Each structure stands twice: as structure tokens, then as C-alpha cells.
């Protein structure tokens, strides 16, 4: 399922697509949609945010304009050059900024987080099974997780 239609992609290109290009464009839309679902989340058809459609169209159009990923081409002595996008050259891809936007739209925040850690072979304790330690500044007591033998 593509997050954008072939007609929407044709509207972003400045030439008429022939039969082979139409087939390639449909594949580019599918690939860009799959990548959007991977970097973001699998939005239901018709319920994806508008920016997802925009990014899918942008990626597919970028591929259609430059399917080999060239950054420089000269006709004289036939010089070709590729950018530093590496493995993404000549494929449908999203830039780092576009990936960040997709992650944000999906609610995936980058940064620090905390996770519960416990010893191998033990079971995590139930929430609220922590001891409460008084603090010297008169605030709320601080949770201190204890083991089975000692409350502290």
C-alpha cells in the first residue's frame, strides 16, 4: 500500500512518463512507503499524516529525477560522480532530516530513557514494592529497591 498515488507523483515531475517510467514510479512509491512505515510506523491507508505523503512523494520524485544517484555528470569526457549518500545512491531513500521527521510523526522520540534492570534469573518486583528512604531536604521520600533479605 502506497501512501501517495501515481497521479500525485506525476504532478511533481516535469515530464510525461512513458510505460517503463510509470512502472518504475509505481515501484518507487511502494518502496518509499515501505521505508516510511519502517522509519515511522505502519499508518493505516488513508490515515497517514499529510507530511508522510509529502515525504514519500519527495523521495520517489528524487529517485525518478536521478535514478542512478549522480551528483555530477559531464558529456565531454564522460565524467560521472556520486555523492556521499553511500548505499542509498541509485535507490529510493530518505535523508537524515526526513527520517527524523518520520520518527517524530510516529511518536518515536530520540534521547534518554530509563529502563528497569534486574539480575539474570530473577523476576522483576511488583511496582510499589520499593522501600522509601527519607531525604535530608524535607521532600518526598526516595524509592530504594530492596532485596528479599533486607528492606534496605
N, C-alpha and C. Protein backbone atom coordinates (compact mmCIF):
# COMPACT_ATOMS: atom_id res chain seq x y z
N UNK A 1 0.84 -1.17 0.00
CA UNK A 1 0.00 0.00 0.00
C UNK A 1 0.89 1.24 0.00
N UNK A 2 0.71 2.09 -0.97
CA UNK A 2 1.50 3.32 -1.08
C UNK A 2 0.77 4.46 -0.36
N UNK A 3 1.54 5.32 0.28
CA UNK A 3 0.97 6.47 0.97
C UNK A 3 0.66 7.63 0.03
N UNK A 4 1.00 7.47 -1.25
CA UNK A 4 0.71 8.50 -2.25
C UNK A 4 0.35 7.79 -3.56
N UNK A 5 -0.31 8.50 -4.44
CA UNK A 5 -0.74 7.91 -5.71
C UNK A 5 0.21 8.26 -6.83
N UNK A 6 0.11 7.49 -7.89
CA UNK A 6 0.92 7.73 -9.08
C UNK A 6 0.60 9.09 -9.69
N UNK A 7 -0.66 9.48 -9.68
CA UNK A 7 -1.04 10.79 -10.23
C UNK A 7 -0.42 11.93 -9.43
N UNK A 8 -0.35 11.77 -8.11
CA UNK A 8 0.29 12.80 -7.28
C UNK A 8 1.78 12.89 -7.60
N UNK A 9 2.42 11.76 -7.85
CA UNK A 9 3.84 11.78 -8.22
C UNK A 9 4.03 12.41 -9.59
N UNK A 10 3.15 12.07 -10.54
CA UNK A 10 3.25 12.67 -11.88
C UNK A 10 3.15 14.19 -11.81
N UNK A 11 2.35 14.69 -10.87
CA UNK A 11 2.21 16.14 -10.71
C UNK A 11 3.48 16.81 -10.21
N UNK A 12 4.39 16.07 -9.65
CA UNK A 12 5.65 16.63 -9.15
C UNK A 12 6.78 16.52 -10.17
N UNK A 13 6.55 15.81 -11.24
CA UNK A 13 7.58 15.64 -12.26
C UNK A 13 7.27 16.54 -13.46
N UNK A 14 8.31 17.01 -14.12
CA UNK A 14 8.11 17.97 -15.21
C UNK A 14 8.20 17.34 -16.59
N UNK A 15 7.88 16.08 -16.70
CA UNK A 15 7.81 15.43 -17.99
C UNK A 15 6.74 14.34 -17.94
N UNK A 16 6.31 13.92 -19.11
CA UNK A 16 5.32 12.84 -19.23
C UNK A 16 6.05 11.50 -19.11
N UNK A 17 5.53 10.63 -18.28
CA UNK A 17 6.17 9.34 -18.08
C UNK A 17 5.72 8.34 -19.13
N UNK A 18 6.69 7.60 -19.67
CA UNK A 18 6.33 6.54 -20.61
C UNK A 18 5.95 5.28 -19.80
N UNK A 19 5.68 4.18 -20.51
CA UNK A 19 5.21 2.97 -19.85
C UNK A 19 6.21 2.42 -18.83
N UNK A 20 7.49 2.36 -19.21
CA UNK A 20 8.52 1.86 -18.29
C UNK A 20 8.67 2.78 -17.08
N UNK A 21 8.64 4.08 -17.32
CA UNK A 21 8.78 5.03 -16.22
C UNK A 21 7.58 4.96 -15.26
N UNK A 22 6.39 4.70 -15.80
CA UNK A 22 5.21 4.53 -14.94
C UNK A 22 5.37 3.32 -14.02
N UNK A 23 5.89 2.23 -14.57
CA UNK A 23 6.14 1.03 -13.78
C UNK A 23 7.19 1.31 -12.70
N UNK A 24 8.27 1.99 -13.07
CA UNK A 24 9.33 2.32 -12.12
C UNK A 24 8.80 3.28 -11.05
N UNK A 25 7.98 4.25 -11.45
CA UNK A 25 7.43 5.23 -10.50
C UNK A 25 6.52 4.54 -9.49
N UNK A 26 5.71 3.58 -9.94
CA UNK A 26 4.84 2.85 -9.01
C UNK A 26 5.68 2.07 -8.01
N UNK A 27 6.77 1.46 -8.48
CA UNK A 27 7.67 0.76 -7.57
C UNK A 27 8.36 1.71 -6.60
N UNK A 28 8.73 2.90 -7.07
CA UNK A 28 9.38 3.88 -6.20
C UNK A 28 8.42 4.34 -5.10
N UNK A 29 7.15 4.52 -5.45
CA UNK A 29 6.16 4.89 -4.43
C UNK A 29 5.98 3.79 -3.39
N UNK A 30 5.96 2.55 -3.85
CA UNK A 30 5.84 1.42 -2.91
C UNK A 30 7.07 1.35 -1.99
N UNK A 31 8.26 1.51 -2.59
CA UNK A 31 9.49 1.45 -1.80
C UNK A 31 9.54 2.59 -0.78
N UNK A 32 9.19 3.81 -1.22
CA UNK A 32 9.22 4.95 -0.31
C UNK A 32 8.18 4.78 0.81
N UNK A 33 7.03 4.22 0.49
CA UNK A 33 6.00 3.97 1.51
C UNK A 33 6.47 2.93 2.51
N UNK A 34 7.12 1.88 2.02
CA UNK A 34 7.65 0.85 2.93
C UNK A 34 8.70 1.45 3.86
N UNK A 35 9.58 2.29 3.31
CA UNK A 35 10.58 2.95 4.15
C UNK A 35 9.93 3.88 5.17
N UNK A 36 8.90 4.60 4.75
CA UNK A 36 8.19 5.50 5.67
C UNK A 36 7.58 4.71 6.82
N UNK A 37 7.02 3.55 6.52
CA UNK A 37 6.45 2.71 7.58
C UNK A 37 7.54 2.16 8.48
N UNK A 38 8.71 1.90 7.93
CA UNK A 38 9.83 1.37 8.72
C UNK A 38 10.39 2.44 9.65
N UNK A 39 10.64 3.63 9.12
CA UNK A 39 11.21 4.71 9.92
C UNK A 39 10.17 5.35 10.84
N UNK A 40 8.93 5.34 10.40
CA UNK A 40 7.85 5.92 11.20
C UNK A 40 7.08 4.81 11.87
N UNK A 41 5.90 4.54 11.34
CA UNK A 41 5.10 3.39 11.79
C UNK A 41 4.17 3.02 10.65
N UNK A 42 3.50 1.91 10.77
CA UNK A 42 2.62 1.43 9.71
C UNK A 42 1.25 2.10 9.86
N UNK A 43 1.14 3.28 9.28
CA UNK A 43 -0.13 4.01 9.36
C UNK A 43 -1.17 3.32 8.48
N UNK A 44 -2.43 3.31 8.91
CA UNK A 44 -3.49 2.73 8.07
C UNK A 44 -3.64 3.54 6.78
N UNK A 45 -4.06 2.86 5.74
CA UNK A 45 -4.24 3.52 4.45
C UNK A 45 -5.25 4.66 4.59
N UNK A 46 -4.89 5.81 4.10
CA UNK A 46 -5.76 6.98 4.16
C UNK A 46 -5.70 7.72 5.49
N UNK A 47 -4.97 7.19 6.47
CA UNK A 47 -4.90 7.84 7.78
C UNK A 47 -3.49 8.34 8.10
N UNK A 48 -2.58 8.23 7.14
CA UNK A 48 -1.22 8.72 7.37
C UNK A 48 -1.23 10.25 7.40
N UNK A 49 -0.40 10.85 8.25
CA UNK A 49 -0.31 12.32 8.25
C UNK A 49 0.09 12.85 6.87
N UNK A 50 -0.34 14.07 6.58
CA UNK A 50 -0.05 14.67 5.28
C UNK A 50 1.45 14.75 5.01
N UNK A 51 2.23 14.99 6.07
CA UNK A 51 3.67 15.09 5.89
C UNK A 51 4.28 13.76 5.43
N UNK A 52 3.70 12.65 5.83
CA UNK A 52 4.19 11.34 5.37
C UNK A 52 4.02 11.25 3.86
N UNK A 53 2.85 11.64 3.36
CA UNK A 53 2.62 11.64 1.91
C UNK A 53 3.62 12.55 1.21
N UNK A 54 3.85 13.72 1.79
CA UNK A 54 4.80 14.66 1.19
C UNK A 54 6.19 14.06 1.12
N UNK A 55 6.64 13.42 2.20
CA UNK A 55 7.98 12.83 2.22
C UNK A 55 8.09 11.66 1.26
N UNK A 56 7.04 10.85 1.14
CA UNK A 56 7.04 9.74 0.19
C UNK A 56 7.13 10.27 -1.24
N UNK A 57 6.36 11.29 -1.55
CA UNK A 57 6.40 11.88 -2.89
C UNK A 57 7.76 12.51 -3.17
N UNK A 58 8.31 13.17 -2.19
CA UNK A 58 9.63 13.81 -2.35
C UNK A 58 10.70 12.77 -2.64
N UNK A 59 10.69 11.67 -1.90
CA UNK A 59 11.68 10.62 -2.09
C UNK A 59 11.52 9.94 -3.45
N UNK A 60 10.29 9.62 -3.83
CA UNK A 60 10.05 8.96 -5.11
C UNK A 60 10.40 9.90 -6.27
N UNK A 61 10.06 11.18 -6.16
CA UNK A 61 10.40 12.13 -7.22
C UNK A 61 11.91 12.30 -7.33
N UNK A 62 12.61 12.33 -6.19
CA UNK A 62 14.07 12.44 -6.20
C UNK A 62 14.68 11.25 -6.96
N UNK A 63 14.13 10.07 -6.70
CA UNK A 63 14.61 8.88 -7.40
C UNK A 63 14.30 8.95 -8.90
N UNK A 64 13.10 9.37 -9.25
CA UNK A 64 12.72 9.43 -10.66
C UNK A 64 13.57 10.45 -11.44
N UNK A 65 13.93 11.55 -10.80
CA UNK A 65 14.76 12.56 -11.47
C UNK A 65 16.21 12.10 -11.63
N UNK A 66 16.67 11.26 -10.72
CA UNK A 66 18.07 10.86 -10.72
C UNK A 66 18.18 9.41 -10.24
N UNK A 67 17.77 8.45 -11.08
CA UNK A 67 17.72 7.06 -10.63
C UNK A 67 19.08 6.45 -10.30
N UNK A 68 20.15 7.00 -10.84
CA UNK A 68 21.48 6.45 -10.57
C UNK A 68 22.20 7.16 -9.43
N UNK A 69 21.63 8.23 -8.91
CA UNK A 69 22.23 8.94 -7.79
C UNK A 69 23.43 9.78 -8.14
N UNK A 70 23.51 10.27 -9.38
CA UNK A 70 24.65 11.09 -9.79
C UNK A 70 24.59 12.46 -9.13
N UNK A 71 25.77 13.01 -8.81
CA UNK A 71 25.85 14.39 -8.35
C UNK A 71 26.56 15.25 -9.38
N UNK A 72 27.23 14.62 -10.32
CA UNK A 72 27.94 15.36 -11.35
C UNK A 72 27.98 14.50 -12.60
N UNK A 73 27.79 15.11 -13.74
CA UNK A 73 27.86 14.38 -15.00
C UNK A 73 28.29 15.35 -16.08
N UNK A 74 29.30 14.95 -16.88
CA UNK A 74 29.74 15.79 -17.99
C UNK A 74 29.73 14.97 -19.25
N UNK A 75 29.37 15.59 -20.34
CA UNK A 75 29.26 14.86 -21.60
C UNK A 75 30.60 14.75 -22.31
N UNK A 76 31.50 15.73 -22.11
CA UNK A 76 32.78 15.77 -22.84
C UNK A 76 33.58 14.50 -22.72
N UNK A 77 34.22 14.31 -21.63
CA UNK A 77 35.00 13.09 -21.41
C UNK A 77 34.25 12.09 -20.54
N UNK A 78 32.97 12.26 -20.42
CA UNK A 78 32.08 11.39 -19.67
C UNK A 78 32.53 11.19 -18.24
N UNK A 79 32.45 12.24 -17.46
CA UNK A 79 32.77 12.21 -16.04
C UNK A 79 31.48 12.01 -15.27
N UNK A 80 31.45 11.03 -14.39
CA UNK A 80 30.31 10.79 -13.53
C UNK A 80 30.79 10.82 -12.08
N UNK A 81 29.93 11.27 -11.17
CA UNK A 81 30.29 11.27 -9.76
C UNK A 81 29.05 10.99 -8.92
N UNK A 82 29.26 10.31 -7.80
CA UNK A 82 28.20 10.02 -6.86
C UNK A 82 28.47 10.76 -5.57
N UNK A 83 27.43 11.05 -4.84
CA UNK A 83 27.60 11.77 -3.58
C UNK A 83 28.01 10.81 -2.47
N UNK A 84 28.07 11.32 -1.27
CA UNK A 84 28.47 10.50 -0.13
C UNK A 84 27.27 9.83 0.54
N UNK A 85 26.15 9.69 -0.17
CA UNK A 85 25.00 9.03 0.44
C UNK A 85 25.18 7.53 0.48
N UNK A 86 26.29 7.04 -0.04
CA UNK A 86 26.66 5.64 0.10
C UNK A 86 25.70 4.68 -0.54
N UNK A 87 25.23 3.72 0.26
CA UNK A 87 24.38 2.64 -0.26
C UNK A 87 23.06 3.15 -0.79
N UNK A 88 22.68 4.38 -0.43
CA UNK A 88 21.40 4.91 -0.89
C UNK A 88 21.46 5.47 -2.30
N UNK A 89 22.65 5.65 -2.85
CA UNK A 89 22.78 6.16 -4.21
C UNK A 89 22.11 5.21 -5.20
N UNK A 90 21.24 5.73 -6.02
CA UNK A 90 20.56 4.91 -7.01
C UNK A 90 19.38 4.13 -6.46
N UNK A 91 18.91 4.50 -5.27
CA UNK A 91 17.74 3.85 -4.69
C UNK A 91 16.80 4.92 -4.13
N UNK A 92 15.63 4.49 -3.77
CA UNK A 92 14.71 5.38 -3.06
C UNK A 92 15.22 5.48 -1.63
N UNK A 93 15.36 6.69 -1.11
CA UNK A 93 15.88 6.86 0.25
C UNK A 93 15.30 8.12 0.87
N UNK A 94 15.45 8.22 2.18
CA UNK A 94 15.09 9.42 2.93
C UNK A 94 16.37 10.01 3.51
N UNK A 95 16.45 11.32 3.53
CA UNK A 95 17.60 11.99 4.14
C UNK A 95 17.50 11.84 5.66
N UNK A 96 18.56 12.19 6.36
CA UNK A 96 18.54 12.10 7.83
C UNK A 96 17.42 12.96 8.42
N UNK A 97 17.25 14.14 7.87
CA UNK A 97 16.19 15.04 8.37
C UNK A 97 14.81 14.45 8.12
N UNK A 98 14.62 13.84 6.95
CA UNK A 98 13.34 13.22 6.64
C UNK A 98 13.07 12.03 7.56
N UNK A 99 14.10 11.25 7.88
CA UNK A 99 13.94 10.13 8.82
C UNK A 99 13.56 10.66 10.19
N UNK A 100 14.20 11.74 10.63
CA UNK A 100 13.87 12.33 11.93
C UNK A 100 12.42 12.78 11.96
N UNK A 101 11.95 13.39 10.88
CA UNK A 101 10.54 13.81 10.81
C UNK A 101 9.59 12.61 10.90
N UNK A 102 9.91 11.54 10.19
CA UNK A 102 9.07 10.34 10.24
C UNK A 102 9.04 9.75 11.65
N UNK A 103 10.18 9.72 12.31
CA UNK A 103 10.23 9.21 13.68
C UNK A 103 9.38 10.06 14.62
N UNK A 104 9.45 11.38 14.45
CA UNK A 104 8.64 12.26 15.29
C UNK A 104 7.15 12.09 15.02
N UNK A 105 6.78 11.93 13.75
CA UNK A 105 5.37 11.73 13.42
C UNK A 105 4.84 10.43 14.02
N UNK A 106 5.71 9.44 14.16
CA UNK A 106 5.30 8.15 14.72
C UNK A 106 5.35 8.15 16.24
N UNK A 107 5.83 9.24 16.83
CA UNK A 107 5.91 9.30 18.28
C UNK A 107 7.17 8.67 18.84
N UNK A 108 8.13 8.43 17.99
CA UNK A 108 9.40 7.86 18.45
C UNK A 108 10.34 9.01 18.78
N UNK A 109 10.54 9.23 20.03
CA UNK A 109 11.42 10.30 20.48
C UNK A 109 12.81 9.73 20.73
N UNK A 110 13.80 10.41 20.20
CA UNK A 110 15.16 10.01 20.50
C UNK A 110 15.60 10.69 21.77
N UNK A 111 16.52 10.08 22.48
CA UNK A 111 17.03 10.70 23.68
C UNK A 111 17.20 9.67 24.79
N UNK A 112 17.29 10.16 25.99
CA UNK A 112 17.50 9.29 27.13
C UNK A 112 16.18 8.74 27.64
N UNK A 113 16.27 7.56 28.20
CA UNK A 113 15.12 6.94 28.81
C UNK A 113 15.60 6.08 29.96
N UNK A 114 14.70 5.65 30.80
CA UNK A 114 15.09 4.75 31.88
C UNK A 114 14.40 3.42 31.69
N UNK A 115 15.08 2.38 32.11
CA UNK A 115 14.53 1.04 31.99
C UNK A 115 14.76 0.30 33.30
N UNK A 116 13.88 -0.63 33.59
CA UNK A 116 14.04 -1.45 34.78
C UNK A 116 15.13 -2.48 34.52
N UNK A 117 16.03 -2.63 35.47
CA UNK A 117 17.13 -3.58 35.35
C UNK A 117 17.07 -4.52 36.54
N UNK A 118 17.20 -5.81 36.28
CA UNK A 118 17.21 -6.78 37.37
C UNK A 118 18.15 -7.91 36.99
N UNK A 119 18.59 -8.66 37.99
CA UNK A 119 19.58 -9.71 37.80
C UNK A 119 19.02 -10.85 36.98
N UNK A 120 19.90 -11.50 36.23
CA UNK A 120 19.53 -12.64 35.41
C UNK A 120 18.96 -13.74 36.28
N UNK A 121 17.86 -14.31 35.86
CA UNK A 121 17.25 -15.41 36.58
C UNK A 121 16.32 -14.98 37.70
N UNK A 122 16.19 -13.70 37.93
CA UNK A 122 15.26 -13.22 38.95
C UNK A 122 14.06 -12.61 38.26
N UNK A 123 13.03 -12.40 39.04
CA UNK A 123 11.82 -11.79 38.49
C UNK A 123 11.77 -10.34 38.92
N UNK A 124 11.30 -9.47 38.04
CA UNK A 124 11.18 -8.07 38.45
C UNK A 124 10.13 -7.94 39.56
N UNK A 125 10.38 -7.06 40.47
CA UNK A 125 9.47 -6.87 41.59
C UNK A 125 8.23 -6.10 41.14
N UNK A 126 7.18 -6.31 41.83
CA UNK A 126 5.93 -5.60 41.51
C UNK A 126 6.12 -4.11 41.78
N UNK A 127 5.44 -3.29 41.01
CA UNK A 127 5.50 -1.85 41.21
C UNK A 127 4.99 -1.51 42.61
N UNK A 128 5.71 -0.67 43.29
CA UNK A 128 5.30 -0.30 44.63
C UNK A 128 5.95 -1.16 45.70
N UNK A 129 6.81 -2.11 45.29
CA UNK A 129 7.47 -2.97 46.26
C UNK A 129 8.78 -2.35 46.75
N UNK A 130 8.95 -1.09 46.54
CA UNK A 130 10.19 -0.42 46.92
C UNK A 130 10.08 0.12 48.33
N UNK A 131 11.23 0.18 48.98
CA UNK A 131 11.29 0.87 50.27
C UNK A 131 11.39 2.36 50.04
N UNK A 132 10.96 3.15 50.98
CA UNK A 132 11.02 4.60 50.86
C UNK A 132 12.04 5.13 51.86
N UNK A 133 13.00 5.86 51.37
CA UNK A 133 14.09 6.38 52.18
C UNK A 133 13.84 7.87 52.41
N UNK A 134 13.97 8.35 53.66
CA UNK A 134 13.80 9.78 53.90
C UNK A 134 14.96 10.56 53.28
N UNK A 135 14.67 11.78 52.89
CA UNK A 135 15.70 12.66 52.32
C UNK A 135 15.98 13.80 53.28
N UNK A 136 17.17 14.37 53.22
CA UNK A 136 17.57 15.38 54.20
C UNK A 136 17.03 16.78 53.90
N UNK A 137 16.38 16.97 52.77
CA UNK A 137 15.87 18.29 52.44
C UNK A 137 14.38 18.43 52.72
N UNK A 138 13.80 17.46 53.38
CA UNK A 138 12.41 17.55 53.78
C UNK A 138 11.40 17.27 52.69
N UNK A 139 11.83 16.75 51.54
CA UNK A 139 10.91 16.48 50.44
C UNK A 139 10.30 15.10 50.52
N UNK A 140 9.71 14.68 49.40
CA UNK A 140 9.12 13.34 49.34
C UNK A 140 10.19 12.28 49.55
N UNK A 141 9.77 11.18 50.13
CA UNK A 141 10.71 10.08 50.37
C UNK A 141 11.16 9.51 49.03
N UNK A 142 12.39 9.02 48.99
CA UNK A 142 13.01 8.50 47.77
C UNK A 142 12.86 6.98 47.72
N UNK A 143 12.42 6.42 46.57
CA UNK A 143 12.26 4.97 46.49
C UNK A 143 13.61 4.27 46.41
N UNK A 144 13.79 3.25 47.22
CA UNK A 144 15.01 2.44 47.20
C UNK A 144 14.57 0.99 47.09
N UNK A 145 14.94 0.35 46.01
CA UNK A 145 14.50 -1.02 45.78
C UNK A 145 15.35 -1.96 46.63
N UNK A 146 14.70 -2.82 47.35
CA UNK A 146 15.39 -3.71 48.28
C UNK A 146 15.40 -5.13 47.73
N UNK A 147 16.18 -5.97 48.39
CA UNK A 147 16.18 -7.39 48.01
C UNK A 147 15.27 -8.15 48.98
N UNK A 148 15.18 -9.46 48.84
CA UNK A 148 14.30 -10.28 49.66
C UNK A 148 14.74 -10.35 51.12
N UNK A 149 16.06 -10.23 51.38
CA UNK A 149 16.58 -10.44 52.73
C UNK A 149 16.53 -9.17 53.57
N UNK A 150 16.64 -8.03 52.97
CA UNK A 150 16.76 -6.79 53.73
C UNK A 150 15.82 -5.73 53.16
N UNK A 151 15.20 -4.94 54.02
CA UNK A 151 14.33 -3.89 53.49
C UNK A 151 15.12 -2.74 52.85
N UNK A 152 16.43 -2.66 53.08
CA UNK A 152 17.25 -1.60 52.52
C UNK A 152 18.28 -2.18 51.60
